[in-house]
C-alpha atoms as a PDB file:
ATOM      1  CA  MET A   1     -57.978   6.964 179.835  1.00  0.00           C
ATOM      2  CA  PRO A   2     -54.167   6.949 179.855  1.00  0.00           C
ATOM      3  CA  GLU A   3     -52.517   3.604 180.307  1.00  0.00           C
ATOM      4  CA  GLY A   4     -50.827   4.397 183.585  1.00  0.00           C
ATOM      5  CA  ASN A   5     -52.642   6.264 186.288  1.00  0.00           C
ATOM      6  CA  ASN A   6     -50.040   5.186 188.821  1.00  0.00           C
ATOM      7  CA  ILE A   7     -47.322   7.711 189.585  1.00  0.00           C
ATOM      8  CA  LYS A   8     -44.760   6.056 187.273  1.00  0.00           C
ATOM      9  CA  GLY A   9     -47.219   6.063 184.391  1.00  0.00           C
ATOM     10  CA  ILE A  10     -48.114   9.693 185.004  1.00  0.00           C
ATOM     11  CA  ILE A  11     -44.435  10.719 185.226  1.00  0.00           C
ATOM     12  CA  LYS A  12     -43.881   9.013 181.861  1.00  0.00           C
ATOM     13  CA  LYS A  13     -46.889  10.764 180.304  1.00  0.00           C
ATOM     14  CA  VAL A  14     -45.864  14.178 181.686  1.00  0.00           C
ATOM     15  CA  ALA A  15     -42.337  13.682 180.310  1.00  0.00           C
ATOM     16  CA  GLN A  16     -43.742  12.641 176.899  1.00  0.00           C
ATOM     17  CA  THR A  17     -46.002  15.692 176.869  1.00  0.00           C
ATOM     18  CA  ILE A  18     -43.176  18.099 177.738  1.00  0.00           C
ATOM     19  CA  ILE A  19     -40.813  16.573 175.170  1.00  0.00           C
ATOM     20  CA  PHE A  20     -43.487  16.719 172.440  1.00  0.00           C
ATOM     21  CA  GLU A  21     -44.993  20.133 173.240  1.00  0.00           C
ATOM     22  CA  LEU A  22     -41.647  21.874 173.702  1.00  0.00           C
ATOM     23  CA  LYS A  23     -40.031  19.988 170.800  1.00  0.00           C
ATOM     24  CA  LEU A  24     -37.079  18.978 172.946  1.00  0.00           C
ATOM     25  CA  GLU A  25     -34.303  17.229 171.083  1.00  0.00           C
ATOM     26  CA  ASP A  26     -31.792  14.796 172.552  1.00  0.00           C
ATOM     27  CA  VAL A  27     -34.175  14.004 175.417  1.00  0.00           C
ATOM     28  CA  THR A  28     -36.149  10.812 175.875  1.00  0.00           C
ATOM     29  CA  VAL A  29     -38.642   9.768 178.513  1.00  0.00           C
ATOM     30  CA  GLU A  30     -35.951   7.466 179.935  1.00  0.00           C
ATOM     31  CA  THR A  31     -33.300  10.194 180.154  1.00  0.00           C
ATOM     32  CA  PHE A  32     -35.587  13.019 181.365  1.00  0.00           C
ATOM     33  CA  ASN A  33     -34.831  13.571 185.058  1.00  0.00           C
ATOM     34  CA  PRO A  34     -38.234  13.815 186.799  1.00  0.00           C
ATOM     35  CA  ASP A  35     -36.699  16.106 189.436  1.00  0.00           C
ATOM     36  CA  LEU A  36     -35.197  18.598 186.975  1.00  0.00           C
ATOM     37  CA  ASP A  37     -36.441  22.129 187.696  1.00  0.00           C
ATOM     38  CA  LEU A  38     -38.357  22.905 184.514  1.00  0.00           C
ATOM     39  CA  ILE A  39     -38.271  26.657 185.006  1.00  0.00           C
ATOM     40  CA  ASP A  40     -34.754  27.280 186.342  1.00  0.00           C
ATOM     41  CA  GLU A  41     -32.891  24.450 184.600  1.00  0.00           C
ATOM     42  CA  LEU A  42     -34.915  23.874 181.425  1.00  0.00           C
ATOM     43  CA  GLY A  43     -36.070  27.450 180.963  1.00  0.00           C
ATOM     44  CA  ILE A  44     -39.751  26.855 180.273  1.00  0.00           C
ATOM     45  CA  ASP A  45     -41.967  29.893 180.663  1.00  0.00           C
ATOM     46  CA  SER A  46     -45.532  30.382 181.846  1.00  0.00           C
ATOM     47  CA  MET A  47     -46.931  29.921 178.322  1.00  0.00           C
ATOM     48  CA  ASP A  48     -45.135  26.576 177.983  1.00  0.00           C
ATOM     49  CA  LEU A  49     -46.461  25.509 181.376  1.00  0.00           C
ATOM     50  CA  ALA A  50     -49.992  26.565 180.409  1.00  0.00           C
ATOM     51  CA  THR A  51     -49.758  24.497 177.212  1.00  0.00           C
ATOM     52  CA  ILE A  52     -48.554  21.459 179.149  1.00  0.00           C
ATOM     53  CA  ALA A  53     -51.312  21.945 181.736  1.00  0.00           C
ATOM     54  CA  LEU A  54     -53.984  22.104 179.014  1.00  0.00           C
ATOM     55  CA  VAL A  55     -52.770  18.883 177.413  1.00  0.00           C
ATOM     56  CA  LEU A  56     -52.713  17.092 180.785  1.00  0.00           C
ATOM     57  CA  GLN A  57     -56.173  18.432 181.678  1.00  0.00           C
ATOM     58  CA  ASP A  58     -57.556  16.946 178.452  1.00  0.00           C
ATOM     59  CA  GLU A  59     -55.652  13.693 178.886  1.00  0.00           C
ATOM     60  CA  TYR A  60     -56.657  13.070 182.498  1.00  0.00           C
ATOM     61  CA  LYS A  61     -60.021  14.916 182.555  1.00  0.00           C
ATOM     62  CA  ILE A  62     -58.964  17.113 185.472  1.00  0.00           C
ATOM     63  CA  VAL A  63     -58.685  20.835 186.177  1.00  0.00           C
ATOM     64  CA  ILE A  64     -55.292  22.340 186.906  1.00  0.00           C
ATOM     65  CA  ASP A  65     -55.791  25.641 188.687  1.00  0.00           C
ATOM     66  CA  GLU A  66     -53.645  28.473 187.313  1.00  0.00           C
ATOM     67  CA  ASP A  67     -52.862  29.463 190.901  1.00  0.00           C
ATOM     68  CA  ASP A  68     -51.114  26.087 191.259  1.00  0.00           C
ATOM     69  CA  TYR A  69     -48.769  26.602 188.275  1.00  0.00           C
ATOM     70  CA  PRO A  70     -45.922  28.016 190.430  1.00  0.00           C
ATOM     71  CA  LYS A  71     -45.881  24.743 192.426  1.00  0.00           C
ATOM     72  CA  LEU A  72     -45.490  22.630 189.281  1.00  0.00           C
ATOM     73  CA  LYS A  73     -41.732  22.937 188.921  1.00  0.00           C
ATOM     74  CA  THR A  74     -40.695  19.359 188.120  1.00  0.00           C
ATOM     75  CA  ILE A  75     -42.123  16.390 186.262  1.00  0.00           C
ATOM     76  CA  ARG A  76     -42.476  14.564 189.580  1.00  0.00           C
ATOM     77  CA  LEU A  77     -44.401  17.460 191.186  1.00  0.00           C
ATOM     78  CA  ILE A  78     -46.676  17.723 188.145  1.00  0.00           C
ATOM     79  CA  ALA A  79     -47.268  13.952 188.187  1.00  0.00           C
ATOM     80  CA  GLU A  80     -48.084  13.975 191.914  1.00  0.00           C
ATOM     81  CA  TYR A  81     -50.489  16.884 191.365  1.00  0.00           C
ATOM     82  CA  VAL A  82     -52.202  15.042 188.480  1.00  0.00           C
ATOM     83  CA  ALA A  83     -52.425  11.820 190.507  1.00  0.00           C
ATOM     84  CA  GLU A  84     -53.991  13.725 193.411  1.00  0.00           C
ATOM     85  CA  ARG A  85     -56.559  15.343 191.087  1.00  0.00           C
ATOM     86  CA  VAL A  86     -57.374  12.036 189.382  1.00  0.00           C
ATOM     87  CA  SER A  87     -57.926  10.265 192.719  1.00  0.00           C
ATOM     88  CA  ALA A  88     -59.989  13.175 194.104  1.00  0.00           C
ATOM     89  CA  ARG A  89     -62.239  12.938 191.057  1.00  0.00           C
ATOM     90  CA  GLY A  90     -63.082   9.397 192.001  1.00  0.00           C
END
């Protein structure tokens, strides 16, 4: 289980996942704005989002519904979604 299932820990993990999966340079977890619009400002596409969702599903043992992808526009929104799914799982 990931070390931080609180919202700050999840934000950090989501940022790490995005940086690693998208091979972002010049970005660190500390400098990644959790409210940055990943689609409009960072330019990630649906395939990138699907990859990130798959990694987070494995990491947190949750299901991220493809219908929810359009709502997952920022690191903070993704983290809140993950936290909600983790707590609903019990």
